[in-house]
Amino acid sequence: MSRTLFISDLDGTLLGPDGRLTQTTVSLLNHAISRGILFSVATARTPATVSELMRDVNLQIPAVVMTGGALWDKASGRYSEVQFFDPSQIPAVVEAYRASGAGAFLYTLPPTESGRDVFHIYHVGNFAPEEKEFMQDRLGSPFKRFSIPESGDSQLPEEIGDAVLFFGIQPNAEANAAYARLKKIPRINPMLYHDWRGDEIAEIEAFPYTTTKAQGIKRLARMVGADRIVVYGDNLNDLSMMAAADYSVAVSNAVEEVKREVDEVIGSNAFDAVPRHILGFRD
């Protein structure tokens, strides 16, 4: 008998238009999970926000977080299948941000006595106002420890063997300049995109080349013994994991490029479409 893993993107897909789960979605998901359905999420977010958004959902298997950079278990707070940079790549990535006039947070996940469970975060280059606000909103988080001076240019450890992610929120020109430099570095996965901040501010990220949502959901499928993957999404950054799935589904509010590529289009994220589809899914 086949075991199907259901994976949903969060923003614009599982979350409603207000950026939260409705009570109906929570109830339907918990009902599905109680029936033994394998369900989780795949997101660019870190557990600092995933934990709160999914607080009332009884997740039984890990979530794919940080665009596939790790799997995170809600019950234990532990990370697994973490994808690390080759330490020899770090100086080149740091230089790409600094030389372009941009900046970025550097996320590291060092081992502790209780396992890898807290990010140690530094910053390099230009400390943009949006990044200062981002950090202020997360000070005191149990998931993150910041080592960043007021200037925003941290003193980095001599050796960094546990770097997971570079994440910058920068003016568009500087972000594009950094992206052009990052693309020239072998065996890394740079990303540039715009979100709710608008066209003038971009998010400029760099991951190890093994970090993608597609690879993350495959790792999770192997972990839970699933032989079929069904994926739900709404935006262009979901296309790679949709292509890696056995069956792909877009919500009706998805961008047109996504709706053209999927196996099925369902209702809107405003009306709990994903959990309804999961409960009615037939192999």
Protein backbone atom coordinates (compact mmCIF):
# COMPACT_ATOMS: atom_id res chain seq x y z
CA MET A 1 0.00 0.00 0.00
CA SER A 2 1.42 3.40 -0.98
CA ARG A 3 2.24 6.08 1.59
CA THR A 4 1.51 9.60 0.38
CA LEU A 5 3.24 12.65 1.81
CA PHE A 6 1.24 15.88 1.52
CA ILE A 7 3.38 19.04 1.53
CA SER A 8 2.06 22.59 1.48
CA ASP A 9 3.74 25.92 1.02
CA LEU A 10 2.73 28.40 3.72
CA ASP A 11 2.39 31.99 2.48
CA GLY A 12 -0.37 32.38 -0.07
CA THR A 13 -1.22 28.67 0.02
CA LEU A 14 -1.98 27.24 3.46
CA LEU A 15 -2.09 30.60 5.23
CA GLY A 16 -5.09 32.80 4.59
CA PRO A 17 -4.89 36.30 3.05
CA ASP A 18 -4.16 37.69 6.53
CA GLY A 19 -1.04 35.54 6.82
CA ARG A 20 -2.50 33.17 9.42
CA LEU A 21 -4.19 29.79 9.56
CA THR A 22 -7.93 29.88 9.94
CA GLN A 23 -9.48 27.83 12.71
CA THR A 24 -11.15 25.73 10.03
CA THR A 25 -7.80 24.92 8.44
CA VAL A 26 -6.36 23.98 11.83
CA SER A 27 -9.31 21.69 12.60
CA LEU A 28 -9.24 20.04 9.18
CA LEU A 29 -5.49 19.47 9.28
CA ASN A 30 -5.63 17.97 12.76
CA HIS A 31 -8.46 15.70 11.64
CA ALA A 32 -6.38 14.55 8.66
CA ILE A 33 -3.32 13.95 10.83
CA SER A 34 -5.40 12.00 13.36
CA ARG A 35 -6.43 9.69 10.51
CA GLY A 36 -2.77 8.92 9.83
CA ILE A 37 -2.31 11.23 6.85
CA LEU A 38 1.30 12.34 6.45
CA PHE A 39 1.23 16.14 6.30
CA SER A 40 3.82 18.88 6.66
CA VAL A 41 4.88 22.23 5.24
CA ALA A 42 7.77 23.48 3.11
CA THR A 43 8.69 27.13 3.48
CA ALA A 44 11.45 29.71 3.17
CA ARG A 45 10.67 30.72 6.76
CA THR A 46 12.72 29.68 9.78
CA PRO A 47 11.20 27.94 12.82
CA ALA A 48 11.05 31.29 14.64
CA THR A 49 7.87 32.08 12.69
CA VAL A 50 6.85 28.57 11.63
CA SER A 51 6.50 27.53 15.28
CA GLU A 52 4.00 30.30 15.95
CA LEU A 53 2.05 29.93 12.69
CA MET A 54 1.72 26.16 13.15
CA ARG A 55 1.29 26.28 16.93
CA ASP A 56 -2.15 24.64 16.96
CA VAL A 57 -1.46 22.03 14.27
CA ASN A 58 -0.45 18.62 15.61
CA LEU A 59 2.43 18.06 13.21
CA GLN A 60 3.77 14.54 13.62
CA ILE A 61 6.61 14.79 11.10
CA PRO A 62 9.25 17.48 10.51
CA ALA A 63 8.72 20.63 8.48
CA VAL A 64 10.94 21.61 5.57
CA VAL A 65 12.30 25.03 6.55
CA MET A 66 14.66 27.64 5.10
CA THR A 67 13.90 26.67 1.50
CA GLY A 68 15.03 23.12 2.22
CA GLY A 69 18.08 24.05 4.28
CA ALA A 70 16.94 21.76 7.09
CA LEU A 71 14.12 19.67 8.46
CA TRP A 72 12.74 20.91 11.78
CA ASP A 73 10.81 18.83 14.29
CA LYS A 74 8.16 20.90 16.07
CA ALA A 75 7.88 18.57 19.09
CA SER A 76 11.59 18.42 19.94
CA GLY A 77 12.76 21.69 18.43
CA ARG A 78 15.63 19.81 16.77
CA TYR A 79 16.99 20.19 13.26
CA SER A 80 18.01 17.35 10.98
CA GLU A 81 19.23 16.98 7.39
CA VAL A 82 20.93 20.37 7.76
CA GLN A 83 22.68 21.58 4.61
CA PHE A 84 25.95 23.40 5.40
CA PHE A 85 28.22 25.53 3.27
CA ASP A 86 31.70 24.27 2.54
CA PRO A 87 33.72 26.47 4.97
CA SER A 88 36.08 27.42 2.13
CA GLN A 89 33.16 29.18 0.39
CA ILE A 90 32.38 31.59 3.22
CA PRO A 91 35.04 34.27 2.46
CA ALA A 92 33.89 34.53 -1.17
CA VAL A 93 30.23 34.87 -0.20
CA VAL A 94 31.04 37.50 2.45
CA GLU A 95 33.11 39.43 -0.10
CA ALA A 96 30.29 39.29 -2.67
CA TYR A 97 27.97 41.09 -0.27
CA ARG A 98 30.52 43.61 0.97
CA ALA A 99 32.01 44.48 -2.44
CA SER A 100 28.56 45.19 -3.88
CA GLY A 101 27.62 47.56 -1.07
CA ALA A 102 25.04 45.11 0.23
CA GLY A 103 24.82 43.23 3.49
CA ALA A 104 23.40 40.05 4.96
CA PHE A 105 22.79 38.06 8.09
CA LEU A 106 24.90 34.93 8.37
CA TYR A 107 23.00 32.06 10.02
CA THR A 108 25.08 29.35 11.68
CA LEU A 109 23.80 26.28 13.51
CA PRO A 110 26.53 25.00 15.82
CA PRO A 111 26.16 21.80 17.84
CA THR A 112 25.25 22.02 21.53
CA GLU A 113 24.79 19.45 24.28
CA SER A 114 21.10 19.21 23.37
CA GLY A 115 21.72 19.04 19.62
CA ARG A 116 21.56 21.65 16.88
CA ASP A 117 18.63 23.73 18.05
CA VAL A 118 19.58 27.46 18.14
CA PHE A 119 20.86 29.69 15.34
CA HIS A 120 23.85 31.92 16.04
CA ILE A 121 23.52 34.90 13.72
CA TYR A 122 26.12 37.42 12.55
CA HIS A 123 25.94 40.25 10.03
CA VAL A 124 28.33 41.41 7.31
CA GLY A 125 28.34 44.55 5.16
CA ASN A 126 25.72 47.30 4.94
CA PHE A 127 23.22 47.09 7.81
CA ALA A 128 20.06 48.28 6.06
CA PRO A 129 17.18 49.81 8.07
CA GLU A 130 14.95 46.88 7.11
CA GLU A 131 17.53 44.47 8.53
CA LYS A 132 17.74 46.41 11.79
CA GLU A 133 13.96 46.21 12.09
CA PHE A 134 14.05 42.50 11.23
CA MET A 135 16.56 41.88 14.03
CA GLN A 136 14.71 44.02 16.59
CA ASP A 137 11.54 42.04 16.01
CA ARG A 138 13.38 38.80 16.78
CA LEU A 139 15.56 39.71 19.75
CA GLY A 140 14.74 37.36 22.59
CA SER A 141 13.61 34.57 20.30
CA PRO A 142 14.47 31.13 21.70
CA PHE A 143 15.43 30.08 18.18
CA LYS A 144 18.03 32.79 17.48
CA ARG A 145 21.03 34.42 19.15
CA PHE A 146 22.39 37.57 17.52
CA SER A 147 26.06 38.59 17.67
CA ILE A 148 25.76 41.90 15.86
CA PRO A 149 27.20 45.29 16.92
CA GLU A 150 25.46 48.60 16.22
CA SER A 151 27.56 49.05 13.10
CA GLY A 152 26.13 45.82 11.75
CA ASP A 153 29.53 44.40 10.81
CA SER A 154 30.18 41.42 13.07
CA GLN A 155 33.52 40.00 14.04
CA LEU A 156 33.22 36.57 12.46
CA PRO A 157 34.77 33.45 14.01
CA GLU A 158 38.08 32.42 12.44
CA GLU A 159 36.52 29.18 11.24
CA ILE A 160 32.87 28.79 10.29
CA GLY A 161 31.99 25.16 9.71
CA ASP A 162 28.27 25.34 10.35
CA ALA A 163 26.96 28.13 8.11
CA VAL A 164 23.51 27.45 6.67
CA LEU A 165 22.25 30.68 5.11
CA PHE A 166 23.06 34.26 4.14
CA PHE A 167 19.98 36.49 4.19
CA GLY A 168 19.92 40.17 3.26
CA ILE A 169 17.15 42.77 2.95
CA GLN A 170 18.70 45.44 0.77
CA PRO A 171 17.95 48.28 -1.65
CA ASN A 172 17.28 46.88 -5.10
CA ALA A 173 20.49 48.16 -6.74
CA GLU A 174 22.79 46.73 -4.08
CA ALA A 175 20.87 43.45 -3.98
CA ASN A 176 21.18 43.03 -7.73
CA ALA A 177 24.88 43.80 -7.60
CA ALA A 178 25.34 41.18 -4.88
CA TYR A 179 23.31 38.65 -6.85
CA ALA A 180 25.52 39.15 -9.91
CA ARG A 181 28.60 38.41 -7.81
CA LEU A 182 27.06 35.47 -5.96
CA LYS A 183 26.11 33.77 -9.23
CA LYS A 184 29.80 33.53 -10.11
CA ILE A 185 30.65 31.50 -6.98
CA PRO A 186 30.64 27.76 -7.75
CA ARG A 187 28.37 25.35 -5.91
CA ILE A 188 26.14 27.81 -4.10
CA ASN A 189 22.46 28.60 -4.66
CA PRO A 190 21.78 32.38 -4.67
CA MET A 191 18.25 33.81 -4.76
CA LEU A 192 16.90 37.31 -5.27
CA TYR A 193 13.22 38.16 -4.91
CA HIS A 194 10.77 40.85 -3.81
CA ASP A 195 8.02 40.43 -1.24
CA TRP A 196 5.56 42.68 0.58
CA ARG A 197 8.21 45.41 0.91
CA GLY A 198 7.76 46.29 -2.76
CA ASP A 199 10.00 46.66 -5.80
CA GLU A 200 12.58 48.98 -4.21
CA ILE A 201 13.69 46.51 -1.52
CA ALA A 202 14.90 43.00 -2.37
CA GLU A 203 15.75 39.92 -0.36
CA ILE A 204 19.09 38.50 -1.43
CA GLU A 205 19.95 35.03 -0.12
CA ALA A 206 22.69 32.48 -0.58
CA PHE A 207 22.45 28.78 0.27
CA PRO A 208 24.60 25.70 -0.25
CA TYR A 209 23.84 24.22 -3.67
CA THR A 210 22.13 21.25 -1.96
CA THR A 211 19.48 23.57 -0.48
CA THR A 212 16.23 23.64 -2.44
CA LYS A 213 12.62 22.96 -1.51
CA ALA A 214 12.64 20.06 -3.98
CA GLN A 215 15.56 18.35 -2.29
CA GLY A 216 14.10 19.10 1.13
CA ILE A 217 10.79 17.36 0.43
CA LYS A 218 12.63 14.36 -1.02
CA ARG A 219 14.69 14.07 2.17
CA LEU A 220 11.52 14.22 4.24
CA ALA A 221 9.81 11.60 2.07
CA ARG A 222 12.72 9.22 2.61
CA MET A 223 12.66 9.88 6.36
CA VAL A 224 8.95 9.05 6.74
CA GLY A 225 8.91 6.21 4.22
CA ALA A 226 6.61 7.91 1.71
CA ASP A 227 6.58 6.67 -1.87
CA ARG A 228 4.37 9.42 -3.28
CA ILE A 229 4.49 13.21 -2.82
CA VAL A 230 1.62 15.66 -3.33
CA VAL A 231 2.60 19.34 -3.24
CA TYR A 232 0.52 22.53 -2.88
CA GLY A 233 1.78 25.99 -3.81
CA ASP A 234 1.04 29.40 -5.24
CA ASN A 235 4.20 31.14 -6.40
CA LEU A 236 7.19 30.75 -8.70
CA ASN A 237 9.48 29.59 -5.89
CA ASP A 238 7.21 26.55 -5.48
CA LEU A 239 7.72 25.30 -9.05
CA SER A 240 10.86 23.30 -8.31
CA MET A 241 9.22 21.26 -5.55
CA MET A 242 6.10 20.86 -7.69
CA ALA A 243 8.26 19.42 -10.45
CA ALA A 244 9.78 16.99 -7.94
CA ALA A 245 6.35 15.85 -6.73
CA ASP A 246 4.21 13.05 -8.10
CA TYR A 247 1.15 15.31 -8.13
CA SER A 248 1.10 19.11 -7.98
CA VAL A 249 -1.75 21.39 -6.92
CA ALA A 250 -2.12 25.17 -7.09
CA VAL A 251 -4.60 27.27 -5.17
CA SER A 252 -6.78 29.49 -7.36
CA ASN A 253 -5.02 32.64 -6.14
CA ALA A 254 -1.68 31.32 -7.45
CA VAL A 255 0.20 33.21 -10.15
CA GLU A 256 -0.74 32.21 -13.68
CA GLU A 257 2.66 30.65 -14.44
CA VAL A 258 2.15 28.20 -11.59
CA LYS A 259 -1.43 27.35 -12.53
CA ARG A 260 -0.27 26.46 -16.04
CA GLU A 261 2.27 23.94 -14.73
CA VAL A 262 0.30 21.95 -12.14
CA ASP A 263 -1.85 18.84 -12.32
CA GLU A 264 -4.82 20.51 -10.64
CA VAL A 265 -6.06 23.93 -9.55
CA ILE A 266 -8.27 24.05 -6.46
CA GLY A 267 -10.02 26.80 -4.48
CA SER A 268 -8.52 29.87 -2.88
CA ASN A 269 -6.36 30.05 0.24
CA ALA A 270 -9.14 32.24 1.63
CA PHE A 271 -11.44 29.23 1.84
CA ASP A 272 -9.30 26.46 3.42
CA ALA A 273 -8.77 24.82 0.03
CA VAL A 274 -5.63 22.83 0.90
CA PRO A 275 -6.90 20.82 3.90
CA ARG A 276 -10.22 20.20 2.13
CA HIS A 277 -8.37 18.81 -0.85
CA ILE A 278 -6.14 16.62 1.33
CA LEU A 279 -9.13 15.07 3.06
CA GLY A 280 -10.83 14.39 -0.26
CA PHE A 281 -7.75 13.21 -2.13
CA ARG A 282 -7.97 9.84 -3.86
CA ASP A 283 -4.98 7.94 -5.22
